[in-house]
PDB file of N, CA and C in Angstrom:
ATOM      1  N   MET A   1     157.210  73.167 117.273  1.00  0.00           N
ATOM      2  CA  MET A   1     158.005  72.051 116.791  1.00  0.00           C
ATOM      3  C   MET A   1     157.263  70.740 117.065  1.00  0.00           C
ATOM      4  N   GLN A   2     157.280  69.876 116.093  1.00  0.00           N
ATOM      5  CA  GLN A   2     156.599  68.600 116.242  1.00  0.00           C
ATOM      6  C   GLN A   2     157.441  67.644 117.066  1.00  0.00           C
ATOM      7  N   ARG A   3     156.753  66.807 117.819  1.00  0.00           N
ATOM      8  CA  ARG A   3     157.445  65.805 118.625  1.00  0.00           C
ATOM      9  C   ARG A   3     157.787  64.606 117.760  1.00  0.00           C
ATOM     10  N   ALA A   4     158.808  63.905 118.156  1.00  0.00           N
ATOM     11  CA  ALA A   4     159.230  62.701 117.458  1.00  0.00           C
ATOM     12  C   ALA A   4     159.071  61.512 118.393  1.00  0.00           C
ATOM     13  N   THR A   5     158.969  60.333 117.809  1.00  0.00           N
ATOM     14  CA  THR A   5     158.867  59.111 118.595  1.00  0.00           C
ATOM     15  C   THR A   5     159.689  58.030 117.914  1.00  0.00           C
ATOM     16  N   SER A   6     160.020  57.029 118.675  1.00  0.00           N
ATOM     17  CA  SER A   6     160.726  55.870 118.125  1.00  0.00           C
ATOM     18  C   SER A   6     159.721  54.756 117.942  1.00  0.00           C
ATOM     19  N   ILE A   7     159.869  54.012 116.865  1.00  0.00           N
ATOM     20  CA  ILE A   7     159.006  52.857 116.622  1.00  0.00           C
ATOM     21  C   ILE A   7     159.879  51.668 116.277  1.00  0.00           C
ATOM     22  N   TYR A   8     159.359  50.487 116.524  1.00  0.00           N
ATOM     23  CA  TYR A   8     160.048  49.262 116.162  1.00  0.00           C
ATOM     24  C   TYR A   8     159.570  48.819 114.789  1.00  0.00           C
ATOM     25  N   ILE A   9     160.504  48.568 113.883  1.00  0.00           N
ATOM     26  CA  ILE A   9     160.164  47.948 112.601  1.00  0.00           C
ATOM     27  C   ILE A   9     161.180  46.844 112.337  1.00  0.00           C
ATOM     28  N   ARG A  10     160.718  45.825 111.666  1.00  0.00           N
ATOM     29  CA  ARG A  10     161.618  44.719 111.319  1.00  0.00           C
ATOM     30  C   ARG A  10     162.687  45.209 110.348  1.00  0.00           C
ATOM     31  N   ASN A  11     163.801  44.512 110.317  1.00  0.00           N
ATOM     32  CA  ASN A  11     164.899  44.884 109.419  1.00  0.00           C
ATOM     33  C   ASN A  11     164.486  44.839 107.955  1.00  0.00           C
ATOM     34  N   ASP A  12     163.650  43.862 107.584  1.00  0.00           N
ATOM     35  CA  ASP A  12     163.247  43.766 106.184  1.00  0.00           C
ATOM     36  C   ASP A  12     162.387  44.963 105.782  1.00  0.00           C
ATOM     37  N   LEU A  13     161.548  45.462 106.707  1.00  0.00           N
ATOM     38  CA  LEU A  13     160.747  46.650 106.396  1.00  0.00           C
ATOM     39  C   LEU A  13     161.632  47.891 106.298  1.00  0.00           C
ATOM     40  N   ARG A  14     162.602  47.990 107.185  1.00  0.00           N
ATOM     41  CA  ARG A  14     163.541  49.109 107.113  1.00  0.00           C
ATOM     42  C   ARG A  14     164.267  49.096 105.764  1.00  0.00           C
ATOM     43  N   ASP A  15     164.665  47.920 105.314  1.00  0.00           N
ATOM     44  CA  ASP A  15     165.349  47.819 104.024  1.00  0.00           C
ATOM     45  C   ASP A  15     164.426  48.237 102.875  1.00  0.00           C
ATOM     46  N   GLN A  16     163.144  47.879 102.970  1.00  0.00           N
ATOM     47  CA  GLN A  16     162.191  48.291 101.947  1.00  0.00           C
ATOM     48  C   GLN A  16     162.018  49.801 101.952  1.00  0.00           C
ATOM     49  N   LEU A  17     161.913  50.383 103.140  1.00  0.00           N
ATOM     50  CA  LEU A  17     161.816  51.843 103.230  1.00  0.00           C
ATOM     51  C   LEU A  17     163.056  52.500 102.643  1.00  0.00           C
ATOM     52  N   LYS A  18     164.207  51.924 102.954  1.00  0.00           N
ATOM     53  CA  LYS A  18     165.469  52.481 102.431  1.00  0.00           C
ATOM     54  C   LYS A  18     165.475  52.456 100.907  1.00  0.00           C
ATOM     55  N   SER A  19     164.945  51.384 100.328  1.00  0.00           N
ATOM     56  CA  SER A  19     164.928  51.271  98.860  1.00  0.00           C
ATOM     57  C   SER A  19     163.975  52.279  98.218  1.00  0.00           C
ATOM     58  N   LEU A  20     163.045  52.820  99.007  1.00  0.00           N
ATOM     59  CA  LEU A  20     162.078  53.786  98.486  1.00  0.00           C
ATOM     60  C   LEU A  20     162.556  55.236  98.605  1.00  0.00           C
ATOM     61  N   LYS A  21     163.717  55.422  99.190  1.00  0.00           N
ATOM     62  CA  LYS A  21     164.234  56.784  99.322  1.00  0.00           C
ATOM     63  C   LYS A  21     164.533  57.361  97.948  1.00  0.00           C
ATOM     64  N   LYS A  22     164.166  58.627  97.748  1.00  0.00           N
ATOM     65  CA  LYS A  22     164.440  59.298  96.471  1.00  0.00           C
ATOM     66  C   LYS A  22     165.906  59.704  96.372  1.00  0.00           C
ATOM     67  N   HIS A  23     166.544  59.927  97.495  1.00  0.00           N
ATOM     68  CA  HIS A  23     167.974  60.215  97.543  1.00  0.00           C
ATOM     69  C   HIS A  23     168.495  59.697  98.879  1.00  0.00           C
ATOM     70  N   PRO A  24     169.772  59.384  98.979  1.00  0.00           N
ATOM     71  CA  PRO A  24     170.313  58.728 100.178  1.00  0.00           C
ATOM     72  C   PRO A  24     170.063  59.472 101.493  1.00  0.00           C
ATOM     73  N   LYS A  25     169.985  60.781 101.461  1.00  0.00           N
ATOM     74  CA  LYS A  25     169.821  61.537 102.699  1.00  0.00           C
ATOM     75  C   LYS A  25     168.358  61.800 103.057  1.00  0.00           C
ATOM     76  N   GLU A  26     167.427  61.293 102.240  1.00  0.00           N
ATOM     77  CA  GLU A  26     166.013  61.467 102.568  1.00  0.00           C
ATOM     78  C   GLU A  26     165.705  60.697 103.852  1.00  0.00           C
ATOM     79  N   SER A  27     164.944  61.300 104.746  1.00  0.00           N
ATOM     80  CA  SER A  27     164.636  60.656 106.021  1.00  0.00           C
ATOM     81  C   SER A  27     163.548  59.599 105.847  1.00  0.00           C
ATOM     82  N   TYR A  28     163.544  58.636 106.766  1.00  0.00           N
ATOM     83  CA  TYR A  28     162.477  57.644 106.756  1.00  0.00           C
ATOM     84  C   TYR A  28     161.131  58.319 106.996  1.00  0.00           C
ATOM     85  N   ASN A  29     161.132  59.372 107.790  1.00  0.00           N
ATOM     86  CA  ASN A  29     159.912  60.129 108.038  1.00  0.00           C
ATOM     87  C   ASN A  29     159.322  60.634 106.713  1.00  0.00           C
ATOM     88  N   ASP A  30     160.179  61.175 105.842  1.00  0.00           N
ATOM     89  CA  ASP A  30     159.705  61.673 104.542  1.00  0.00           C
ATOM     90  C   ASP A  30     159.177  60.543 103.672  1.00  0.00           C
ATOM     91  N   VAL A  31     159.852  59.396 103.710  1.00  0.00           N
ATOM     92  CA  VAL A  31     159.406  58.245 102.918  1.00  0.00           C
ATOM     93  C   VAL A  31     158.035  57.782 103.402  1.00  0.00           C
ATOM     94  N   ILE A  32     157.873  57.651 104.717  1.00  0.00           N
ATOM     95  CA  ILE A  32     156.597  57.202 105.278  1.00  0.00           C
ATOM     96  C   ILE A  32     155.494  58.204 104.971  1.00  0.00           C
ATOM     97  N   GLU A  33     155.796  59.495 105.084  1.00  0.00           N
ATOM     98  CA  GLU A  33     154.801  60.520 104.778  1.00  0.00           C
ATOM     99  C   GLU A  33     154.357  60.430 103.315  1.00  0.00           C
ATOM    100  N   ARG A  34     155.311  60.211 102.404  1.00  0.00           N
ATOM    101  CA  ARG A  34     154.979  60.084 100.980  1.00  0.00           C
ATOM    102  C   ARG A  34     154.081  58.871 100.750  1.00  0.00           C
ATOM    103  N   LEU A  35     154.396  57.754 101.401  1.00  0.00           N
ATOM    104  CA  LEU A  35     153.578  56.544 101.257  1.00  0.00           C
ATOM    105  C   LEU A  35     152.165  56.758 101.793  1.00  0.00           C
ATOM    106  N   LEU A  36     152.052  57.437 102.921  1.00  0.00           N
ATOM    107  CA  LEU A  36     150.729  57.716 103.484  1.00  0.00           C
ATOM    108  C   LEU A  36     149.914  58.608 102.566  1.00  0.00           C
ATOM    109  N   ASN A  37     150.559  59.587 101.963  1.00  0.00           N
ATOM    110  CA  ASN A  37     149.847  60.473 101.036  1.00  0.00           C
ATOM    111  C   ASN A  37     149.342  59.713  99.815  1.00  0.00           C
ATOM    112  N   LEU A  38     150.088  58.700  99.390  1.00  0.00           N
ATOM    113  CA  LEU A  38     149.647  57.879  98.258  1.00  0.00           C
ATOM    114  C   LEU A  38     148.501  56.951  98.652  1.00  0.00           C
ATOM    115  N   ALA A  39     148.472  56.538  99.910  1.00  0.00           N
ATOM    116  CA  ALA A  39     147.490  55.555 100.365  1.00  0.00           C
ATOM    117  C   ALA A  39     146.130  56.161 100.656  1.00  0.00           C
ATOM    118  N   ILE A  40     146.084  57.453 100.902  1.00  0.00           N
ATOM    119  CA  ILE A  40     144.831  58.102 101.274  1.00  0.00           C
ATOM    120  C   ILE A  40     144.244  58.794 100.055  1.00  0.00           C
ATOM    121  N   ASP A  41     143.057  58.348  99.654  1.00  0.00           N
ATOM    122  CA  ASP A  41     142.374  58.937  98.507  1.00  0.00           C
ATOM    123  C   ASP A  41     141.418  60.005  99.010  1.00  0.00           C
ATOM    124  N   GLU A  42     141.744  61.250  98.734  1.00  0.00           N
ATOM    125  CA  GLU A  42     140.924  62.350  99.224  1.00  0.00           C
ATOM    126  C   GLU A  42     139.649  62.546  98.406  1.00  0.00           C
ATOM    127  N   GLU A  43     139.575  61.893  97.238  1.00  0.00           N
ATOM    128  CA  GLU A  43     138.388  61.987  96.407  1.00  0.00           C
ATOM    129  C   GLU A  43     137.879  60.575  96.118  1.00  0.00           C
ATOM    130  N   PRO A  44     137.098  60.018  97.027  1.00  0.00           N
ATOM    131  CA  PRO A  44     136.592  58.670  96.798  1.00  0.00           C
ATOM    132  C   PRO A  44     135.715  58.612  95.548  1.00  0.00           C
ATOM    133  N   LEU A  45     135.576  57.403  95.018  1.00  0.00           N
ATOM    134  CA  LEU A  45     134.780  57.217  93.809  1.00  0.00           C
ATOM    135  C   LEU A  45     133.318  57.585  94.053  1.00  0.00           C
ATOM    136  N   GLY A  46     132.732  58.221  93.064  1.00  0.00           N
ATOM    137  CA  GLY A  46     131.316  58.552  93.133  1.00  0.00           C
ATOM    138  C   GLY A  46     130.475  57.363  92.715  1.00  0.00           C
ATOM    139  N   GLU A  47     129.179  57.485  92.916  1.00  0.00           N
ATOM    140  CA  GLU A  47     128.241  56.397  92.608  1.00  0.00           C
ATOM    141  C   GLU A  47     128.307  55.998  91.133  1.00  0.00           C
ATOM    142  N   GLU A  48     128.415  56.990  90.240  1.00  0.00           N
ATOM    143  CA  GLU A  48     128.470  56.707  88.806  1.00  0.00           C
ATOM    144  C   GLU A  48     129.711  55.888  88.448  1.00  0.00           C
ATOM    145  N   ALA A  49     130.856  56.242  89.039  1.00  0.00           N
ATOM    146  CA  ALA A  49     132.099  55.514  88.766  1.00  0.00           C
ATOM    147  C   ALA A  49     132.002  54.082  89.289  1.00  0.00           C
ATOM    148  N   ILE A  50     131.425  53.912  90.453  1.00  0.00           N
ATOM    149  CA  ILE A  50     131.277  52.574  91.030  1.00  0.00           C
ATOM    150  C   ILE A  50     130.383  51.708  90.150  1.00  0.00           C
ATOM    151  N   ILE A  51     129.299  52.264  89.669  1.00  0.00           N
ATOM    152  CA  ILE A  51     128.401  51.523  88.774  1.00  0.00           C
ATOM    153  C   ILE A  51     129.135  51.128  87.498  1.00  0.00           C
ATOM    154  N   GLY A  52     129.923  52.049  86.946  1.00  0.00           N
ATOM    155  CA  GLY A  52     130.698  51.754  85.741  1.00  0.00           C
ATOM    156  C   GLY A  52     131.694  50.629  85.961  1.00  0.00           C
ATOM    157  N   LEU A  53     132.351  50.636  87.112  1.00  0.00           N
ATOM    158  CA  LEU A  53     133.307  49.564  87.426  1.00  0.00           C
ATOM    159  C   LEU A  53     132.596  48.226  87.586  1.00  0.00           C
ATOM    160  N   GLU A  54     131.456  48.233  88.236  1.00  0.00           N
ATOM    161  CA  GLU A  54     130.693  46.988  88.398  1.00  0.00           C
ATOM    162  C   GLU A  54     130.254  46.438  87.050  1.00  0.00           C
ATOM    163  N   GLU A  55     129.823  47.320  86.149  1.00  0.00           N
ATOM    164  CA  GLU A  55     129.421  46.885  84.800  1.00  0.00           C
ATOM    165  C   GLU A  55     130.614  46.309  84.046  1.00  0.00           C
ATOM    166  N   ALA A  56     131.762  46.958  84.164  1.00  0.00           N
ATOM    167  CA  ALA A  56     132.966  46.474  83.486  1.00  0.00           C
ATOM    168  C   ALA A  56     133.370  45.097  84.006  1.00  0.00           C
ATOM    169  N   LEU A  57     133.279  44.891  85.319  1.00  0.00           N
ATOM    170  CA  LEU A  57     133.598  43.581  85.884  1.00  0.00           C
ATOM    171  C   LEU A  57     132.660  42.500  85.365  1.00  0.00           C
ATOM    172  N   GLU A  58     131.395  42.821  85.243  1.00  0.00           N
ATOM    173  CA  GLU A  58     130.432  41.851  84.705  1.00  0.00           C
ATOM    174  C   GLU A  58     130.774  41.510  83.251  1.00  0.00           C
ATOM    175  N   GLU A  59     131.178  42.509  82.471  1.00  0.00           N
ATOM    176  CA  GLU A  59     131.561  42.257  81.076  1.00  0.00           C
ATOM    177  C   GLU A  59     132.787  41.352  81.019  1.00  0.00           C
ATOM    178  N   ILE A  60     133.745  41.589  81.892  1.00  0.00           N
ATOM    179  CA  ILE A  60     134.946  40.748  81.920  1.00  0.00           C
ATOM    180  C   ILE A  60     134.570  39.320  82.284  1.00  0.00           C
ATOM    181  N   LYS A  61     133.730  39.166  83.309  1.00  0.00           N
ATOM    182  CA  LYS A  61     133.291  37.827  83.719  1.00  0.00           C
ATOM    183  C   LYS A  61     132.564  37.110  82.589  1.00  0.00           C
ATOM    184  N   ALA A  62     131.863  37.868  81.741  1.00  0.00           N
ATOM    185  CA  ALA A  62     131.112  37.286  80.624  1.00  0.00           C
ATOM    186  C   ALA A  62     132.007  37.059  79.399  1.00  0.00           C
ATOM    187  N   GLY A  63     133.295  37.403  79.519  1.00  0.00           N
ATOM    188  CA  GLY A  63     134.222  37.201  78.407  1.00  0.00           C
ATOM    189  C   GLY A  63     134.136  38.264  77.342  1.00  0.00           C
ATOM    190  N   MET A  64     133.544  39.381  77.657  1.00  0.00           N
ATOM    191  CA  MET A  64     133.374  40.467  76.682  1.00  0.00           C
ATOM    192  C   MET A  64     134.563  41.428  76.758  1.00  0.00           C
ATOM    193  N   PHE A  65     135.703  40.953  76.283  1.00  0.00           N
ATOM    194  CA  PHE A  65     136.895  41.795  76.272  1.00  0.00           C
ATOM    195  C   PHE A  65     137.842  41.313  75.184  1.00  0.00           C
ATOM    196  N   ILE A  66     138.821  42.135  74.868  1.00  0.00           N
ATOM    197  CA  ILE A  66     139.856  41.779  73.900  1.00  0.00           C
ATOM    198  C   ILE A  66     141.162  41.709  74.665  1.00  0.00           C
ATOM    199  N   SER A  67     141.892  40.623  74.476  1.00  0.00           N
ATOM    200  CA  SER A  67     143.143  40.450  75.214  1.00  0.00           C
ATOM    201  C   SER A  67     144.213  41.421  74.697  1.00  0.00           C
ATOM    202  N   GLU A  68     145.189  41.643  75.536  1.00  0.00           N
ATOM    203  CA  GLU A  68     146.291  42.536  75.159  1.00  0.00           C
ATOM    204  C   GLU A  68     146.996  42.031  73.901  1.00  0.00           C
ATOM    205  N   SER A  69     147.216  40.730  73.806  1.00  0.00           N
ATOM    206  CA  SER A  69     147.907  40.182  72.632  1.00  0.00           C
ATOM    207  C   SER A  69     147.080  40.387  71.364  1.00  0.00           C
ATOM    208  N   GLU A  70     145.750  40.286  71.471  1.00  0.00           N
ATOM    209  CA  GLU A  70     144.894  40.527  70.302  1.00  0.00           C
ATOM    210  C   GLU A  70     144.966  41.990  69.861  1.00  0.00           C
ATOM    211  N   ILE A  71     144.983  42.897  70.807  1.00  0.00           N
ATOM    212  CA  ILE A  71     145.078  44.324  70.475  1.00  0.00           C
ATOM    213  C   ILE A  71     146.425  44.619  69.822  1.00  0.00           C
ATOM    214  N   MET A  72     147.487  44.060  70.394  1.00  0.00           N
ATOM    215  CA  MET A  72     148.827  44.289  69.829  1.00  0.00           C
ATOM    216  C   MET A  72     148.899  43.745  68.404  1.00  0.00           C
ATOM    217  N   LYS A  73     148.318  42.568  68.180  1.00  0.00           N
ATOM    218  CA  LYS A  73     148.313  41.968  66.852  1.00  0.00           C
ATOM    219  C   LYS A  73     147.521  42.831  65.880  1.00  0.00           C
ATOM    220  N   LYS A  74     146.359  43.324  66.315  1.00  0.00           N
ATOM    221  CA  LYS A  74     145.495  44.147  65.480  1.00  0.00           C
ATOM    222  C   LYS A  74     146.196  45.427  65.028  1.00  0.00           C
ATOM    223  N   TYR A  75     146.966  46.039  65.923  1.00  0.00           N
ATOM    224  CA  TYR A  75     147.622  47.305  65.614  1.00  0.00           C
ATOM    225  C   TYR A  75     149.090  47.166  65.241  1.00  0.00           C
ATOM    226  N   GLY A  76     149.547  45.926  65.083  1.00  0.00           N
ATOM    227  CA  GLY A  76     150.913  45.683  64.617  1.00  0.00           C
ATOM    228  C   GLY A  76     151.983  46.097  65.621  1.00  0.00           C
ATOM    229  N   VAL A  77     151.666  46.009  66.884  1.00  0.00           N
ATOM    230  CA  VAL A  77     152.630  46.354  67.932  1.00  0.00           C
ATOM    231  C   VAL A  77     153.294  45.084  68.398  1.00  0.00           C
ATOM    232  N   GLN A  78     154.606  45.149  68.602  1.00  0.00           N
ATOM    233  CA  GLN A  78     155.345  43.953  69.021  1.00  0.00           C
ATOM    234  C   GLN A  78     155.811  44.048  70.425  1.00  0.00           C
TER     235      GLN A  78
END
């Protein structure tokens, strides 16, 4: 059996955790575990992906992109 501990959290953080519950009886432990699983990336980006992201950022900085409104206008999306 796993041991449990008490921790201090501010009321506003407790309220945020409460708002993240999938159902009213879900424990804070389950909410925190779910958040931790989302925060940890078990497959970090490879060198090729990092290079691609750096190239994309340079293109954005150079103004080589189409805005969302231009794309929506082009394809008739409102």
